[in-house]
Amino acid sequence: MASDINFVQFIVDQIGNAGSIRYKKMFGEYAIYSNDKVVALVCDDQLFVKQTEAGRSFIGNVVEAPAYPGAKLSFLIEDQLEDKEWLSELIVLTEQELPAPKPKNKNKKIVKGT
């Protein structure tokens, strides 16, 4: 089941104080970016935040689940969605611990088969 865009926009509004926030539709679901880093996924109208040590310490008693079948475990956020400050702080801590995205190579040569 694909996520409802209204739920995605609600999440983005809730974490609006966590930096430069945007989302991108991917395979019927959504990736949430903070300062150009993927920090969370919205799948089946649920919020899955990438695992970090800072996030684990901040949350305390974490619930881990895959965002989709075969995915790595993420922190499933259920009870704190209405708390803007808490959710924004979690996203800030997560973004700070994640590595910068790898630069895209715009000069890739296309090799045709012979």
N, C-alpha and C. Protein backbone atom coordinates (compact mmCIF):
# COMPACT_ATOMS: atom_id res chain seq x y z
N MET A 1 0.84 -1.18 0.00
CA MET A 1 0.00 0.00 0.00
C MET A 1 0.88 1.24 0.00
N ALA A 2 0.68 2.12 -0.93
CA ALA A 2 1.46 3.35 -1.00
C ALA A 2 1.02 4.33 0.08
N SER A 3 1.97 5.13 0.51
CA SER A 3 1.68 6.13 1.54
C SER A 3 0.86 7.28 0.97
N ASP A 4 0.05 7.85 1.82
CA ASP A 4 -0.77 9.00 1.48
C ASP A 4 0.11 10.26 1.52
N ILE A 5 0.06 11.05 0.47
CA ILE A 5 0.87 12.27 0.40
C ILE A 5 0.56 13.22 1.57
N ASN A 6 -0.65 13.20 2.06
CA ASN A 6 -1.00 14.06 3.21
C ASN A 6 -0.22 13.65 4.46
N PHE A 7 -0.01 12.35 4.65
CA PHE A 7 0.78 11.89 5.78
C PHE A 7 2.24 12.33 5.62
N VAL A 8 2.76 12.21 4.42
CA VAL A 8 4.15 12.62 4.15
C VAL A 8 4.31 14.11 4.43
N GLN A 9 3.38 14.91 3.95
CA GLN A 9 3.46 16.35 4.19
C GLN A 9 3.32 16.69 5.67
N PHE A 10 2.52 15.93 6.40
CA PHE A 10 2.40 16.11 7.84
C PHE A 10 3.75 15.88 8.52
N ILE A 11 4.43 14.79 8.14
CA ILE A 11 5.75 14.48 8.71
C ILE A 11 6.73 15.59 8.38
N VAL A 12 6.75 16.05 7.14
CA VAL A 12 7.66 17.11 6.72
C VAL A 12 7.38 18.39 7.52
N ASP A 13 6.12 18.70 7.74
CA ASP A 13 5.76 19.87 8.56
C ASP A 13 6.25 19.69 9.99
N GLN A 14 6.12 18.49 10.53
CA GLN A 14 6.53 18.23 11.91
C GLN A 14 8.03 18.41 12.10
N ILE A 15 8.83 18.09 11.09
CA ILE A 15 10.29 18.17 11.23
C ILE A 15 10.88 19.37 10.51
N GLY A 16 10.06 20.32 10.19
CA GLY A 16 10.50 21.50 9.44
C GLY A 16 11.62 22.29 10.09
N ASN A 17 11.78 22.17 11.41
CA ASN A 17 12.84 22.90 12.11
C ASN A 17 14.17 22.13 12.16
N ALA A 18 14.23 20.99 11.45
CA ALA A 18 15.41 20.12 11.55
C ALA A 18 16.42 20.37 10.44
N GLY A 19 16.30 21.45 9.72
CA GLY A 19 17.24 21.74 8.64
C GLY A 19 16.50 21.91 7.33
N SER A 20 17.21 21.71 6.25
CA SER A 20 16.61 21.79 4.92
C SER A 20 15.93 20.45 4.64
N ILE A 21 14.61 20.42 4.76
CA ILE A 21 13.84 19.18 4.67
C ILE A 21 13.14 19.11 3.31
N ARG A 22 13.22 17.94 2.69
CA ARG A 22 12.48 17.69 1.45
C ARG A 22 12.15 16.21 1.38
N TYR A 23 11.28 15.87 0.47
CA TYR A 23 10.94 14.46 0.28
C TYR A 23 10.94 14.13 -1.20
N LYS A 24 11.08 12.85 -1.48
CA LYS A 24 11.11 12.40 -2.87
C LYS A 24 10.36 11.08 -2.95
N LYS A 25 9.47 10.98 -3.92
CA LYS A 25 8.72 9.75 -4.11
C LYS A 25 9.63 8.71 -4.74
N MET A 26 9.62 7.52 -4.15
CA MET A 26 10.46 6.43 -4.65
C MET A 26 9.67 5.13 -4.55
N PHE A 27 9.38 4.53 -5.68
CA PHE A 27 8.71 3.22 -5.73
C PHE A 27 7.39 3.22 -4.98
N GLY A 28 6.63 4.29 -5.07
CA GLY A 28 5.34 4.37 -4.41
C GLY A 28 5.41 4.82 -2.96
N GLU A 29 6.60 4.93 -2.42
CA GLU A 29 6.79 5.39 -1.04
C GLU A 29 7.66 6.65 -1.08
N TYR A 30 8.15 7.10 0.07
CA TYR A 30 8.85 8.38 0.12
C TYR A 30 10.13 8.32 0.96
N ALA A 31 11.15 8.99 0.46
CA ALA A 31 12.38 9.20 1.22
C ALA A 31 12.33 10.62 1.77
N ILE A 32 12.72 10.79 3.02
CA ILE A 32 12.78 12.11 3.66
C ILE A 32 14.24 12.50 3.78
N TYR A 33 14.57 13.70 3.30
CA TYR A 33 15.93 14.21 3.30
C TYR A 33 16.04 15.37 4.29
N SER A 34 17.16 15.40 4.99
CA SER A 34 17.53 16.55 5.81
C SER A 34 18.94 16.95 5.37
N ASN A 35 19.07 18.16 4.89
CA ASN A 35 20.36 18.65 4.39
C ASN A 35 20.98 17.67 3.39
N ASP A 36 20.16 17.21 2.47
CA ASP A 36 20.54 16.31 1.37
C ASP A 36 20.95 14.91 1.80
N LYS A 37 20.67 14.53 3.03
CA LYS A 37 20.93 13.15 3.50
C LYS A 37 19.59 12.47 3.72
N VAL A 38 19.46 11.24 3.25
CA VAL A 38 18.24 10.47 3.53
C VAL A 38 18.27 10.09 5.01
N VAL A 39 17.31 10.61 5.75
CA VAL A 39 17.27 10.35 7.19
C VAL A 39 16.12 9.43 7.59
N ALA A 40 15.13 9.31 6.69
CA ALA A 40 13.95 8.53 7.04
C ALA A 40 13.21 8.10 5.78
N LEU A 41 12.36 7.12 5.96
CA LEU A 41 11.46 6.66 4.90
C LEU A 41 10.04 6.69 5.44
N VAL A 42 9.10 6.99 4.57
CA VAL A 42 7.69 6.85 4.90
C VAL A 42 7.17 5.74 4.01
N CYS A 43 6.75 4.65 4.65
CA CYS A 43 6.23 3.49 3.94
C CYS A 43 4.95 3.03 4.64
N ASP A 44 3.91 2.80 3.86
CA ASP A 44 2.62 2.38 4.41
C ASP A 44 2.16 3.32 5.52
N ASP A 45 2.35 4.61 5.30
CA ASP A 45 1.94 5.64 6.27
C ASP A 45 2.55 5.42 7.65
N GLN A 46 3.80 4.98 7.66
CA GLN A 46 4.57 4.84 8.90
C GLN A 46 5.92 5.51 8.69
N LEU A 47 6.48 6.07 9.77
CA LEU A 47 7.77 6.75 9.71
C LEU A 47 8.87 5.83 10.21
N PHE A 48 9.87 5.62 9.36
CA PHE A 48 11.04 4.80 9.68
C PHE A 48 12.27 5.69 9.61
N VAL A 49 12.95 5.90 10.73
CA VAL A 49 14.13 6.76 10.79
C VAL A 49 15.36 5.87 10.76
N LYS A 50 16.36 6.29 9.98
CA LYS A 50 17.60 5.52 9.88
C LYS A 50 18.22 5.34 11.27
N GLN A 51 18.82 4.19 11.47
CA GLN A 51 19.46 3.89 12.74
C GLN A 51 20.78 4.64 12.89
N THR A 52 20.94 5.28 14.04
CA THR A 52 22.22 5.87 14.44
C THR A 52 22.35 5.67 15.95
N GLU A 53 23.56 5.74 16.45
CA GLU A 53 23.76 5.61 17.90
C GLU A 53 23.12 6.79 18.63
N ALA A 54 23.25 7.98 18.06
CA ALA A 54 22.65 9.16 18.70
C ALA A 54 21.13 9.02 18.76
N GLY A 55 20.54 8.54 17.68
CA GLY A 55 19.10 8.33 17.66
C GLY A 55 18.65 7.29 18.66
N ARG A 56 19.41 6.21 18.75
CA ARG A 56 19.10 5.14 19.72
C ARG A 56 19.14 5.68 21.15
N SER A 57 20.16 6.47 21.47
CA SER A 57 20.26 7.05 22.81
C SER A 57 19.12 8.02 23.08
N PHE A 58 18.78 8.80 22.09
CA PHE A 58 17.72 9.81 22.24
C PHE A 58 16.36 9.16 22.44
N ILE A 59 16.07 8.13 21.66
CA ILE A 59 14.76 7.47 21.74
C ILE A 59 14.64 6.66 23.02
N GLY A 60 15.70 5.95 23.36
CA GLY A 60 15.65 5.09 24.55
C GLY A 60 15.16 3.71 24.17
N ASN A 61 13.92 3.42 24.42
CA ASN A 61 13.34 2.12 24.13
C ASN A 61 12.87 2.11 22.67
N VAL A 62 13.76 1.71 21.77
CA VAL A 62 13.45 1.79 20.34
C VAL A 62 12.66 0.59 19.87
N VAL A 63 11.85 0.83 18.85
CA VAL A 63 11.17 -0.23 18.12
C VAL A 63 11.84 -0.27 16.76
N GLU A 64 12.38 -1.43 16.41
CA GLU A 64 13.06 -1.59 15.13
C GLU A 64 12.21 -2.43 14.20
N ALA A 65 12.16 -2.00 12.94
CA ALA A 65 11.39 -2.73 11.93
C ALA A 65 11.92 -2.35 10.56
N PRO A 66 11.78 -3.24 9.58
CA PRO A 66 12.16 -2.88 8.21
C PRO A 66 11.05 -2.02 7.59
N ALA A 67 11.43 -1.04 6.82
CA ALA A 67 10.45 -0.17 6.16
C ALA A 67 9.68 -0.91 5.08
N TYR A 68 10.32 -1.91 4.50
CA TYR A 68 9.70 -2.74 3.46
C TYR A 68 10.40 -4.09 3.50
N PRO A 69 9.81 -5.12 2.93
CA PRO A 69 10.43 -6.45 2.97
C PRO A 69 11.85 -6.44 2.40
N GLY A 70 12.79 -6.96 3.15
CA GLY A 70 14.18 -7.02 2.72
C GLY A 70 15.01 -5.82 3.09
N ALA A 71 14.40 -4.79 3.66
CA ALA A 71 15.12 -3.57 4.05
C ALA A 71 15.87 -3.78 5.36
N LYS A 72 16.90 -2.95 5.57
CA LYS A 72 17.58 -2.93 6.87
C LYS A 72 16.60 -2.43 7.92
N LEU A 73 16.88 -2.79 9.17
CA LEU A 73 16.03 -2.31 10.24
C LEU A 73 16.20 -0.81 10.42
N SER A 74 15.10 -0.15 10.73
CA SER A 74 15.07 1.28 11.03
C SER A 74 14.34 1.46 12.35
N PHE A 75 14.38 2.68 12.87
CA PHE A 75 13.59 3.00 14.06
C PHE A 75 12.17 3.33 13.61
N LEU A 76 11.21 2.56 14.03
CA LEU A 76 9.81 2.83 13.72
C LEU A 76 9.28 3.81 14.76
N ILE A 77 8.86 4.97 14.27
CA ILE A 77 8.37 6.02 15.16
C ILE A 77 6.85 6.03 15.09
N GLU A 78 6.22 5.76 16.23
CA GLU A 78 4.76 5.68 16.25
C GLU A 78 4.13 6.68 17.21
N ASP A 79 4.62 6.71 18.44
CA ASP A 79 3.96 7.48 19.49
C ASP A 79 4.35 8.96 19.55
N GLN A 80 5.42 9.34 18.89
CA GLN A 80 5.93 10.72 19.02
C GLN A 80 5.65 11.59 17.79
N LEU A 81 4.81 11.14 16.88
CA LEU A 81 4.59 11.88 15.63
C LEU A 81 4.00 13.27 15.86
N GLU A 82 3.26 13.46 16.93
CA GLU A 82 2.62 14.75 17.20
C GLU A 82 3.56 15.74 17.89
N ASP A 83 4.70 15.27 18.37
CA ASP A 83 5.64 16.10 19.13
C ASP A 83 6.70 16.67 18.18
N LYS A 84 6.46 17.88 17.67
CA LYS A 84 7.36 18.51 16.69
C LYS A 84 8.79 18.65 17.21
N GLU A 85 8.93 19.12 18.43
CA GLU A 85 10.27 19.34 18.99
C GLU A 85 11.04 18.04 19.11
N TRP A 86 10.40 17.01 19.64
CA TRP A 86 11.05 15.71 19.81
C TRP A 86 11.44 15.12 18.46
N LEU A 87 10.52 15.15 17.52
CA LEU A 87 10.76 14.57 16.20
C LEU A 87 11.85 15.34 15.46
N SER A 88 11.82 16.66 15.54
CA SER A 88 12.85 17.48 14.90
C SER A 88 14.23 17.20 15.49
N GLU A 89 14.31 17.06 16.81
CA GLU A 89 15.58 16.76 17.47
C GLU A 89 16.12 15.40 17.01
N LEU A 90 15.24 14.41 16.90
CA LEU A 90 15.66 13.10 16.42
C LEU A 90 16.23 13.20 15.00
N ILE A 91 15.60 13.96 14.15
CA ILE A 91 16.07 14.10 12.77
C ILE A 91 17.41 14.84 12.73
N VAL A 92 17.57 15.87 13.55
CA VAL A 92 18.84 16.59 13.61
C VAL A 92 19.96 15.65 14.05
N LEU A 93 19.73 14.89 15.11
CA LEU A 93 20.75 13.96 15.61
C LEU A 93 21.08 12.89 14.56
N THR A 94 20.07 12.41 13.87
CA THR A 94 20.28 11.40 12.84
C THR A 94 21.09 11.97 11.70
N GLU A 95 20.70 13.12 11.22
CA GLU A 95 21.41 13.75 10.09
C GLU A 95 22.87 14.02 10.42
N GLN A 96 23.14 14.47 11.62
CA GLN A 96 24.51 14.79 12.02
C GLN A 96 25.41 13.56 12.03
N GLU A 97 24.86 12.40 12.32
CA GLU A 97 25.67 11.20 12.41
C GLU A 97 25.84 10.47 11.07
N LEU A 98 24.95 10.74 10.13
CA LEU A 98 25.04 10.06 8.84
C LEU A 98 26.13 10.67 7.97
N PRO A 99 26.79 9.84 7.15
CA PRO A 99 27.83 10.39 6.26
C PRO A 99 27.21 11.24 5.16
N ALA A 100 28.01 12.13 4.62
CA ALA A 100 27.56 12.95 3.49
C ALA A 100 27.31 12.05 2.29
N PRO A 101 26.34 12.41 1.47
CA PRO A 101 26.09 11.59 0.28
C PRO A 101 27.28 11.64 -0.66
N LYS A 102 27.50 10.53 -1.34
CA LYS A 102 28.60 10.47 -2.29
C LYS A 102 28.25 11.35 -3.49
N PRO A 103 29.24 12.11 -3.99
CA PRO A 103 28.96 12.95 -5.15
C PRO A 103 28.66 12.09 -6.37
N LYS A 104 27.72 12.56 -7.17
CA LYS A 104 27.36 11.83 -8.39
C LYS A 104 28.38 12.15 -9.47
N ASN A 105 28.83 11.12 -10.16
CA ASN A 105 29.79 11.29 -11.24
C ASN A 105 29.03 11.65 -12.50
N LYS A 106 29.11 12.90 -12.91
CA LYS A 106 28.39 13.37 -14.08
C LYS A 106 29.14 13.08 -15.37
N ASN A 107 30.36 12.60 -15.26
CA ASN A 107 31.18 12.35 -16.45
C ASN A 107 31.29 10.87 -16.77
N LYS A 108 30.33 10.08 -16.36
CA LYS A 108 30.38 8.65 -16.66
C LYS A 108 30.28 8.44 -18.15
N LYS A 109 31.12 7.56 -18.64
CA LYS A 109 31.08 7.22 -20.04
C LYS A 109 30.19 6.00 -20.23
N ILE A 110 29.37 6.05 -21.23
CA ILE A 110 28.52 4.92 -21.54
C ILE A 110 29.29 4.02 -22.49
N VAL A 111 29.46 2.77 -22.07
CA VAL A 111 30.19 1.81 -22.88
C VAL A 111 29.17 0.89 -23.55
N LYS A 112 29.19 0.90 -24.86
CA LYS A 112 28.27 0.04 -25.60
C LYS A 112 28.92 -1.30 -25.83
N GLY A 113 28.10 -2.35 -25.75
CA GLY A 113 28.61 -3.70 -25.99
C GLY A 113 29.08 -3.86 -27.43
N THR A 114 30.01 -4.76 -27.63
CA THR A 114 30.54 -4.98 -28.99
C THR A 114 29.97 -6.21 -29.60
